[in-house]
């Protein structure tokens, strides 16, 4: 296993931003952001790294946004809210099963009420049963697509009706969208479809000046990533810069796409993998 963020020290290629320790600069001042999938799974690690959704929610709050932290597990959503509040930020915790269309409608309405408006959404939620093609069932396939893709469409559909001009939507995809190396067709297909969906949302939102983009993280040291790595020998044998990415690096990419700094960036995918998808790797 290559070094995770808890083992990294500032140096070549590792900065305060890499470790989530950079000074905030109010890049989202006054913004109201819903992070779907802001919770964090429990793992066997005594000192687990932060997950992508949690890092995104915390960073948005540090940069001045009011944040709605949504998760299917109430305690996970509350932990995110508590961490933000402990740093002096503003956040609320929401609970929803995004496989339920009615829960999506309700939770988006709740976020608008709680935040007194909404001008940013990060759709980070996703799941994988890890089934190879021969093992797929209609039920497992439909479940993955309902969470990884249909929920994103329904949130965006509702959001475009209520978000003001200048708002931004970000879909968190994966480099699994770009290759079949994981031999996980439901996950890979749903993640690839997210890239097409982001383009469709961008087209639909453009007349209202609402942008939509996707990001595609690579091998990131998160609780989910560590759990997956335990079942995949050699998963991190070769990685760019000799380490996995951190969730903070994913969060900063998301922050850019949410911010007005990206006001002319629309319908694209930002790959956050250190160059792994183009063949860069180092032991």
Foldseek 3Di string as FASTA:
>chain_A
DFDALVPDDDDVPDDCLQNVRDQADLLPAPAQEEEAPLFADDDPDPDAAAAQSLLLQLNNQSSHYAYEQEDQDQVRQVVSQVVNVVVVGHYHYYHADLLDLVRLVVVVVVSCVVRVAHQEYELEDFDAPLDAPVPDDPVRLVSRLSRLPVSLLSNLVVCLVGHAAPGEYEYEAACLCVDCVSNGVSNNVSSVVVLVVQLVSQVVNVVRNYAGEYEHEYQERGSVSVVVPVVPPPPPVWAAPRHWGYSSQVSVVVSCRRGCVCSPPHSYYHYHGNCVSVPDIHD
